[in-house]
Amino acid sequence: MTLYGVGLGPGDADLVTVRGKRVLDSADVVYSPGRLSRSVATEYVLESKIGDLDFPMTRDPDELRSAWKDAAAEIAPRAADGDAAFVTLGDPNVYSTFGHLRRTMDAFHPEVDLEIVPGVSAVTAFATALGVEIDAGAGLALKEASRGRSPTGPDRMVLFKVTDAPATHEGLAEAGYDVTYGRRLYMEQGETIVTSDPEEIAERDYYTLAYAEKRGIEKDRATAEFDRTAETEGSA
């Protein structure tokens, strides 16, 4: 049988894909790695069908490897006898906890079939929430900006995990970027904030993104506007 990695989208239950909902409906057990993903999954799955997994809040690689190995050992027999799903916010292949599980399953339980169900990633959802248009042909880089980091280089960047917005903002401003921040975009839990003032989101929150764009970059946007004077003269 199969283990499905199901992307739930950025946090709003309405943004779960139709395919994702079908998998959740048919899975024998649905595993959730955290409170937020569980709250979205329970919009579509009975509590009794959800299995919780314990992952320590640590950066210690040995502890993390041990936790993922235990999780794989828990899931493997359920996926062997039926269909199991592991839910994650966003998309399973974009900055996701599912990557750790997939690699562990490949190493210790290669007999289990794996299938990915894509989800709406915060990387793309941010554009609508922040009112940002990424033009055709424009370059866009994804960067992590935890603990006050200020990555620079490309003209346009989406920054993940902006946990110290004032420090990140200082570095980006000095490098010539205009920055817009979005906190808990499309999430039903917590307050959604969109701002260009880093002091408004100075308090640490893992679910904070930013869009940084170099000042003064040229934009050659296609348009449907016409020169009405020339159009009138041409029809005379």
C-alpha atoms as a PDB file:
ATOM      1  CA  MET A   1       0.000   0.000   0.000  1.00  0.00           C
ATOM      2  CA  THR A   2       1.049   3.654   0.119  1.00  0.00           C
ATOM      3  CA  LEU A   3       2.261   6.485   2.318  1.00  0.00           C
ATOM      4  CA  TYR A   4       1.020   9.820   0.977  1.00  0.00           C
ATOM      5  CA  GLY A   5       2.731  13.110   1.754  1.00  0.00           C
ATOM      6  CA  VAL A   6      -0.149  15.578   1.617  1.00  0.00           C
ATOM      7  CA  GLY A   7       0.386  19.320   1.372  1.00  0.00           C
ATOM      8  CA  LEU A   8      -2.357  21.181   3.235  1.00  0.00           C
ATOM      9  CA  GLY A   9      -1.565  24.638   1.902  1.00  0.00           C
ATOM     10  CA  PRO A  10      -0.573  27.676   3.982  1.00  0.00           C
ATOM     11  CA  GLY A  11      -3.026  27.055   6.819  1.00  0.00           C
ATOM     12  CA  ASP A  12      -6.541  27.902   5.618  1.00  0.00           C
ATOM     13  CA  ALA A  13      -8.582  24.700   5.325  1.00  0.00           C
ATOM     14  CA  ASP A  14     -10.296  26.110   2.212  1.00  0.00           C
ATOM     15  CA  LEU A  15      -6.948  25.963   0.377  1.00  0.00           C
ATOM     16  CA  VAL A  16      -6.531  22.186   0.668  1.00  0.00           C
ATOM     17  CA  THR A  17      -6.600  20.777  -2.880  1.00  0.00           C
ATOM     18  CA  VAL A  18      -9.382  18.515  -4.121  1.00  0.00           C
ATOM     19  CA  ARG A  19      -6.859  15.706  -4.541  1.00  0.00           C
ATOM     20  CA  GLY A  20      -5.545  16.239  -1.036  1.00  0.00           C
ATOM     21  CA  LYS A  21      -9.063  15.982   0.374  1.00  0.00           C
ATOM     22  CA  ARG A  22      -9.658  12.740  -1.521  1.00  0.00           C
ATOM     23  CA  VAL A  23      -6.509  11.186  -0.067  1.00  0.00           C
ATOM     24  CA  LEU A  24      -7.457  12.268   3.445  1.00  0.00           C
ATOM     25  CA  ASP A  25     -10.918  10.777   2.962  1.00  0.00           C
ATOM     26  CA  SER A  26      -9.541   7.409   1.849  1.00  0.00           C
ATOM     27  CA  ALA A  27      -6.489   7.049   4.137  1.00  0.00           C
ATOM     28  CA  ASP A  28      -6.741   4.579   7.002  1.00  0.00           C
ATOM     29  CA  VAL A  29      -4.667   6.814   9.278  1.00  0.00           C
ATOM     30  CA  VAL A  30      -3.482  10.418   8.961  1.00  0.00           C
ATOM     31  CA  TYR A  31      -0.320  11.489  10.782  1.00  0.00           C
ATOM     32  CA  SER A  32       0.217  15.076  11.823  1.00  0.00           C
ATOM     33  CA  PRO A  33       3.592  16.493  12.928  1.00  0.00           C
ATOM     34  CA  GLY A  34       2.190  19.516  14.753  1.00  0.00           C
ATOM     35  CA  ARG A  35      -0.756  21.449  16.131  1.00  0.00           C
ATOM     36  CA  LEU A  36      -1.336  23.698  13.104  1.00  0.00           C
ATOM     37  CA  SER A  37      -1.346  20.925  10.512  1.00  0.00           C
ATOM     38  CA  ARG A  38      -3.606  18.877  12.782  1.00  0.00           C
ATOM     39  CA  SER A  39      -6.125  21.724  13.055  1.00  0.00           C
ATOM     40  CA  VAL A  40      -6.379  21.900   9.245  1.00  0.00           C
ATOM     41  CA  ALA A  41      -6.594  18.125   8.833  1.00  0.00           C
ATOM     42  CA  THR A  42      -9.427  17.834  11.350  1.00  0.00           C
ATOM     43  CA  GLU A  43     -11.596  19.904   9.003  1.00  0.00           C
ATOM     44  CA  TYR A  44     -11.630  16.815   6.768  1.00  0.00           C
ATOM     45  CA  VAL A  45     -10.690  13.887   9.033  1.00  0.00           C
ATOM     46  CA  LEU A  46     -12.197  12.578  12.259  1.00  0.00           C
ATOM     47  CA  GLU A  47      -9.988  13.050  15.319  1.00  0.00           C
ATOM     48  CA  SER A  48     -10.041   9.293  15.869  1.00  0.00           C
ATOM     49  CA  LYS A  49      -8.292   8.786  12.506  1.00  0.00           C
ATOM     50  CA  ILE A  50      -5.363  11.101  13.288  1.00  0.00           C
ATOM     51  CA  GLY A  51      -2.106   9.750  14.674  1.00  0.00           C
ATOM     52  CA  ASP A  52       0.231  12.167  16.413  1.00  0.00           C
ATOM     53  CA  LEU A  53       4.008  11.994  16.127  1.00  0.00           C
ATOM     54  CA  ASP A  54       6.435  13.470  18.630  1.00  0.00           C
ATOM     55  CA  PHE A  55       9.254  15.599  17.223  1.00  0.00           C
ATOM     56  CA  PRO A  56      11.573  17.382  19.670  1.00  0.00           C
ATOM     57  CA  MET A  57      12.118  21.130  19.360  1.00  0.00           C
ATOM     58  CA  THR A  58      15.870  20.885  18.965  1.00  0.00           C
ATOM     59  CA  ARG A  59      18.663  21.389  16.465  1.00  0.00           C
ATOM     60  CA  ASP A  60      20.600  18.409  17.774  1.00  0.00           C
ATOM     61  CA  PRO A  61      21.066  16.178  14.696  1.00  0.00           C
ATOM     62  CA  ASP A  62      21.230  12.938  16.703  1.00  0.00           C
ATOM     63  CA  GLU A  63      17.947  13.662  18.495  1.00  0.00           C
ATOM     64  CA  LEU A  64      16.269  14.616  15.239  1.00  0.00           C
ATOM     65  CA  ARG A  65      17.482  11.506  13.406  1.00  0.00           C
ATOM     66  CA  SER A  66      16.256   9.347  16.272  1.00  0.00           C
ATOM     67  CA  ALA A  67      12.832  11.039  16.230  1.00  0.00           C
ATOM     68  CA  TRP A  68      12.424  10.577  12.476  1.00  0.00           C
ATOM     69  CA  LYS A  69      13.519   6.948  12.721  1.00  0.00           C
ATOM     70  CA  ASP A  70      10.893   6.350  15.430  1.00  0.00           C
ATOM     71  CA  ALA A  71       8.269   8.093  13.294  1.00  0.00           C
ATOM     72  CA  ALA A  72       9.115   5.933  10.282  1.00  0.00           C
ATOM     73  CA  ALA A  73       8.924   2.790  12.425  1.00  0.00           C
ATOM     74  CA  GLU A  74       5.448   3.859  13.600  1.00  0.00           C
ATOM     75  CA  ILE A  75       4.167   4.642  10.120  1.00  0.00           C
ATOM     76  CA  ALA A  76       5.709   1.807   8.087  1.00  0.00           C
ATOM     77  CA  PRO A  77       3.474  -1.061   9.292  1.00  0.00           C
ATOM     78  CA  ARG A  78       0.338   1.077   8.868  1.00  0.00           C
ATOM     79  CA  ALA A  79       1.383   1.981   5.323  1.00  0.00           C
ATOM     80  CA  ALA A  80       2.184  -1.668   4.597  1.00  0.00           C
ATOM     81  CA  ASP A  81      -1.283  -2.853   5.621  1.00  0.00           C
ATOM     82  CA  GLY A  82      -3.260   0.061   4.179  1.00  0.00           C
ATOM     83  CA  ASP A  83      -2.974   3.674   3.084  1.00  0.00           C
ATOM     84  CA  ALA A  84      -1.436   6.235   5.424  1.00  0.00           C
ATOM     85  CA  ALA A  85      -1.048   9.980   5.001  1.00  0.00           C
ATOM     86  CA  PHE A  86       1.433  12.405   6.521  1.00  0.00           C
ATOM     87  CA  VAL A  87       0.137  15.969   6.398  1.00  0.00           C
ATOM     88  CA  THR A  88       2.259  19.079   6.301  1.00  0.00           C
ATOM     89  CA  LEU A  89       1.560  22.773   5.864  1.00  0.00           C
ATOM     90  CA  GLY A  90       2.433  24.178   2.449  1.00  0.00           C
ATOM     91  CA  ASP A  91       3.857  21.722  -0.080  1.00  0.00           C
ATOM     92  CA  PRO A  92       5.623  18.482   0.947  1.00  0.00           C
ATOM     93  CA  ASN A  93       8.657  19.268  -1.229  1.00  0.00           C
ATOM     94  CA  VAL A  94       9.176  22.924  -0.302  1.00  0.00           C
ATOM     95  CA  TYR A  95      10.895  23.571   3.059  1.00  0.00           C
ATOM     96  CA  SER A  96       8.797  20.794   4.550  1.00  0.00           C
ATOM     97  CA  THR A  97       9.128  18.359   7.438  1.00  0.00           C
ATOM     98  CA  PHE A  98       8.019  15.610   5.074  1.00  0.00           C
ATOM     99  CA  GLY A  99      11.447  15.589   3.437  1.00  0.00           C
ATOM    100  CA  HIS A 100      12.978  14.174   6.614  1.00  0.00           C
ATOM    101  CA  LEU A 101      10.393  11.415   6.768  1.00  0.00           C
ATOM    102  CA  ARG A 102      10.753  10.547   3.082  1.00  0.00           C
ATOM    103  CA  ARG A 103      14.513  10.128   3.376  1.00  0.00           C
ATOM    104  CA  THR A 104      14.144   8.038   6.533  1.00  0.00           C
ATOM    105  CA  MET A 105      11.530   5.810   4.912  1.00  0.00           C
ATOM    106  CA  ASP A 106      13.774   5.317   1.878  1.00  0.00           C
ATOM    107  CA  ALA A 107      16.654   4.292   4.140  1.00  0.00           C
ATOM    108  CA  PHE A 108      14.870   1.976   6.588  1.00  0.00           C
ATOM    109  CA  HIS A 109      11.581   0.984   4.934  1.00  0.00           C
ATOM    110  CA  PRO A 110      12.167   0.935   1.167  1.00  0.00           C
ATOM    111  CA  GLU A 111       9.279  -1.499   0.701  1.00  0.00           C
ATOM    112  CA  VAL A 112       6.751   1.281   1.434  1.00  0.00           C
ATOM    113  CA  ASP A 113       5.459   3.098  -1.651  1.00  0.00           C
ATOM    114  CA  LEU A 114       5.512   6.884  -1.392  1.00  0.00           C
ATOM    115  CA  GLU A 115       3.388   9.407  -3.250  1.00  0.00           C
ATOM    116  CA  ILE A 116       3.379  13.200  -3.007  1.00  0.00           C
ATOM    117  CA  VAL A 117       0.183  15.252  -3.148  1.00  0.00           C
ATOM    118  CA  PRO A 118       1.244  18.862  -3.847  1.00  0.00           C
ATOM    119  CA  GLY A 119      -0.158  21.703  -1.788  1.00  0.00           C
ATOM    120  CA  VAL A 120      -0.418  25.466  -2.164  1.00  0.00           C
ATOM    121  CA  SER A 121       2.917  26.704  -0.839  1.00  0.00           C
ATOM    122  CA  ALA A 122       3.286  29.863   1.199  1.00  0.00           C
ATOM    123  CA  VAL A 123       5.938  30.750  -1.380  1.00  0.00           C
ATOM    124  CA  THR A 124       3.232  31.319  -3.973  1.00  0.00           C
ATOM    125  CA  ALA A 125       0.311  32.225  -1.710  1.00  0.00           C
ATOM    126  CA  PHE A 126       2.307  35.172  -0.355  1.00  0.00           C
ATOM    127  CA  ALA A 127       2.060  36.962  -3.706  1.00  0.00           C
ATOM    128  CA  THR A 128      -1.692  37.322  -3.416  1.00  0.00           C
ATOM    129  CA  ALA A 129      -1.664  38.080   0.299  1.00  0.00           C
ATOM    130  CA  LEU A 130       0.969  40.810  -0.081  1.00  0.00           C
ATOM    131  CA  GLY A 131      -0.417  42.178  -3.358  1.00  0.00           C
ATOM    132  CA  VAL A 132       2.826  41.408  -5.172  1.00  0.00           C
ATOM    133  CA  GLU A 133       2.918  40.724  -8.911  1.00  0.00           C
ATOM    134  CA  ILE A 134       5.850  38.664 -10.165  1.00  0.00           C
ATOM    135  CA  ASP A 135       6.261  39.637 -13.789  1.00  0.00           C
ATOM    136  CA  ALA A 136       6.799  37.141 -16.572  1.00  0.00           C
ATOM    137  CA  GLY A 137      10.531  36.675 -17.019  1.00  0.00           C
ATOM    138  CA  ALA A 138      11.401  38.079 -13.595  1.00  0.00           C
ATOM    139  CA  GLY A 139      13.948  36.209 -11.490  1.00  0.00           C
ATOM    140  CA  LEU A 140      12.870  35.199  -7.981  1.00  0.00           C
ATOM    141  CA  ALA A 141      15.025  33.548  -5.305  1.00  0.00           C
ATOM    142  CA  LEU A 142      13.915  31.681  -2.177  1.00  0.00           C
ATOM    143  CA  LYS A 143      16.041  32.328   0.891  1.00  0.00           C
ATOM    144  CA  GLU A 144      15.912  31.514   4.586  1.00  0.00           C
ATOM    145  CA  ALA A 145      16.259  34.485   6.936  1.00  0.00           C
ATOM    146  CA  SER A 146      16.063  33.029  10.418  1.00  0.00           C
ATOM    147  CA  ARG A 147      17.798  34.626  13.415  1.00  0.00           C
ATOM    148  CA  GLY A 148      18.220  38.024  11.783  1.00  0.00           C
ATOM    149  CA  ARG A 149      19.960  36.931   8.599  1.00  0.00           C
ATOM    150  CA  SER A 150      19.767  39.336   5.635  1.00  0.00           C
ATOM    151  CA  PRO A 151      20.520  37.376   2.451  1.00  0.00           C
ATOM    152  CA  THR A 152      21.150  39.541  -0.608  1.00  0.00           C
ATOM    153  CA  GLY A 153      22.017  39.154  -4.275  1.00  0.00           C
ATOM    154  CA  PRO A 154      18.974  38.687  -6.554  1.00  0.00           C
ATOM    155  CA  ASP A 155      16.694  41.613  -7.406  1.00  0.00           C
ATOM    156  CA  ARG A 156      13.656  39.814  -5.951  1.00  0.00           C
ATOM    157  CA  MET A 157      13.572  37.413  -3.016  1.00  0.00           C
ATOM    158  CA  VAL A 158      11.022  35.571  -0.920  1.00  0.00           C
ATOM    159  CA  LEU A 159      12.385  35.076   2.587  1.00  0.00           C
ATOM    160  CA  PHE A 160      11.276  32.263   4.909  1.00  0.00           C
ATOM    161  CA  LYS A 161      11.342  32.071   8.690  1.00  0.00           C
ATOM    162  CA  VAL A 162      11.916  35.759   9.347  1.00  0.00           C
ATOM    163  CA  THR A 163      12.225  35.370  13.119  1.00  0.00           C
ATOM    164  CA  ASP A 164      14.020  38.678  13.813  1.00  0.00           C
ATOM    165  CA  ALA A 165      12.430  41.150  11.408  1.00  0.00           C
ATOM    166  CA  PRO A 166      14.193  44.324  12.673  1.00  0.00           C
ATOM    167  CA  ALA A 167      17.663  42.784  12.247  1.00  0.00           C
ATOM    168  CA  THR A 168      16.808  41.300   8.855  1.00  0.00           C
ATOM    169  CA  HIS A 169      15.296  44.600   7.724  1.00  0.00           C
ATOM    170  CA  GLU A 170      18.373  46.591   8.674  1.00  0.00           C
ATOM    171  CA  GLY A 171      20.630  44.473   6.481  1.00  0.00           C
ATOM    172  CA  LEU A 172      18.230  44.458   3.546  1.00  0.00           C
ATOM    173  CA  ALA A 173      17.645  48.221   3.695  1.00  0.00           C
ATOM    174  CA  GLU A 174      21.388  48.862   3.683  1.00  0.00           C
ATOM    175  CA  ALA A 175      21.690  46.623   0.615  1.00  0.00           C
ATOM    176  CA  GLY A 176      19.045  48.670  -1.232  1.00  0.00           C
ATOM    177  CA  TYR A 177      15.910  46.553  -0.862  1.00  0.00           C
ATOM    178  CA  ASP A 178      12.309  47.532  -0.182  1.00  0.00           C
ATOM    179  CA  VAL A 179      10.688  44.888   2.003  1.00  0.00           C
ATOM    180  CA  THR A 180       7.118  43.822   2.752  1.00  0.00           C
ATOM    181  CA  TYR A 181       6.409  41.358   5.547  1.00  0.00           C
ATOM    182  CA  GLY A 182       3.573  38.890   5.932  1.00  0.00           C
ATOM    183  CA  ARG A 183       2.846  36.983   9.122  1.00  0.00           C
ATOM    184  CA  ARG A 184       0.530  33.944   9.309  1.00  0.00           C
ATOM    185  CA  LEU A 185      -0.788  34.520   5.801  1.00  0.00           C
ATOM    186  CA  TYR A 186      -3.883  32.433   5.075  1.00  0.00           C
ATOM    187  CA  MET A 187      -3.753  30.916   8.540  1.00  0.00           C
ATOM    188  CA  GLU A 188      -6.824  30.474  10.674  1.00  0.00           C
ATOM    189  CA  GLN A 189      -4.721  30.499  13.845  1.00  0.00           C
ATOM    190  CA  GLY A 190      -3.178  33.745  15.079  1.00  0.00           C
ATOM    191  CA  GLU A 191      -3.257  37.263  13.677  1.00  0.00           C
ATOM    192  CA  THR A 192      -2.475  37.868  10.017  1.00  0.00           C
ATOM    193  CA  ILE A 193      -0.241  40.913   9.564  1.00  0.00           C
ATOM    194  CA  VAL A 194       0.983  42.544   6.352  1.00  0.00           C
ATOM    195  CA  THR A 195       3.350  45.456   6.884  1.00  0.00           C
ATOM    196  CA  SER A 196       6.483  47.205   5.682  1.00  0.00           C
ATOM    197  CA  ASP A 197       7.377  48.187   9.260  1.00  0.00           C
ATOM    198  CA  PRO A 198       9.528  45.482  10.889  1.00  0.00           C
ATOM    199  CA  GLU A 199       8.788  46.857  14.361  1.00  0.00           C
ATOM    200  CA  GLU A 200       5.160  45.738  13.974  1.00  0.00           C
ATOM    201  CA  ILE A 201       6.365  42.140  13.851  1.00  0.00           C
ATOM    202  CA  ALA A 202       9.392  42.376  16.124  1.00  0.00           C
ATOM    203  CA  GLU A 203       8.108  39.500  18.238  1.00  0.00           C
ATOM    204  CA  ARG A 204       9.497  36.189  17.006  1.00  0.00           C
ATOM    205  CA  ASP A 205       7.118  34.101  14.904  1.00  0.00           C
ATOM    206  CA  TYR A 206       8.288  31.212  12.736  1.00  0.00           C
ATOM    207  CA  TYR A 207       5.433  31.810  10.263  1.00  0.00           C
ATOM    208  CA  THR A 208       6.708  35.143   8.952  1.00  0.00           C
ATOM    209  CA  LEU A 209       7.729  35.714   5.338  1.00  0.00           C
ATOM    210  CA  ALA A 210       9.086  38.719   3.504  1.00  0.00           C
ATOM    211  CA  TYR A 211       9.238  39.916  -0.079  1.00  0.00           C
ATOM    212  CA  ALA A 212      12.352  41.945  -0.865  1.00  0.00           C
ATOM    213  CA  GLU A 213      12.772  43.866  -4.098  1.00  0.00           C
ATOM    214  CA  LYS A 214      15.755  45.985  -5.142  1.00  0.00           C
ATOM    215  CA  ARG A 215      14.916  49.665  -5.390  1.00  0.00           C
ATOM    216  CA  GLY A 216      14.895  51.099  -8.885  1.00  0.00           C
ATOM    217  CA  ILE A 217      14.830  47.851 -10.866  1.00  0.00           C
ATOM    218  CA  GLU A 218      13.366  48.256 -14.325  1.00  0.00           C
ATOM    219  CA  LYS A 219      10.001  46.636 -15.007  1.00  0.00           C
ATOM    220  CA  ASP A 220       8.831  46.076 -18.547  1.00  0.00           C
ATOM    221  CA  ARG A 221       5.284  44.880 -18.004  1.00  0.00           C
ATOM    222  CA  ALA A 222       2.990  43.841 -20.810  1.00  0.00           C
ATOM    223  CA  THR A 223      -0.140  45.980 -20.846  1.00  0.00           C
ATOM    224  CA  ALA A 224      -3.558  46.034 -22.423  1.00  0.00           C
ATOM    225  CA  GLU A 225      -3.670  49.831 -22.385  1.00  0.00           C
ATOM    226  CA  PHE A 226      -3.662  51.717 -25.713  1.00  0.00           C
ATOM    227  CA  ASP A 227      -2.967  55.236 -26.838  1.00  0.00           C
ATOM    228  CA  ARG A 228      -6.562  56.408 -27.162  1.00  0.00           C
ATOM    229  CA  THR A 229      -5.574  59.535 -29.153  1.00  0.00           C
ATOM    230  CA  ALA A 230      -3.799  57.500 -31.806  1.00  0.00           C
ATOM    231  CA  GLU A 231      -6.666  55.026 -31.853  1.00  0.00           C
ATOM    232  CA  THR A 232      -9.200  57.824 -32.457  1.00  0.00           C
ATOM    233  CA  GLU A 233      -7.110  59.432 -35.219  1.00  0.00           C
ATOM    234  CA  GLY A 234      -6.622  56.072 -36.927  1.00  0.00           C
ATOM    235  CA  SER A 235     -10.365  55.485 -37.134  1.00  0.00           C
ATOM    236  CA  ALA A 236     -11.174  58.976 -38.476  1.00  0.00           C
END
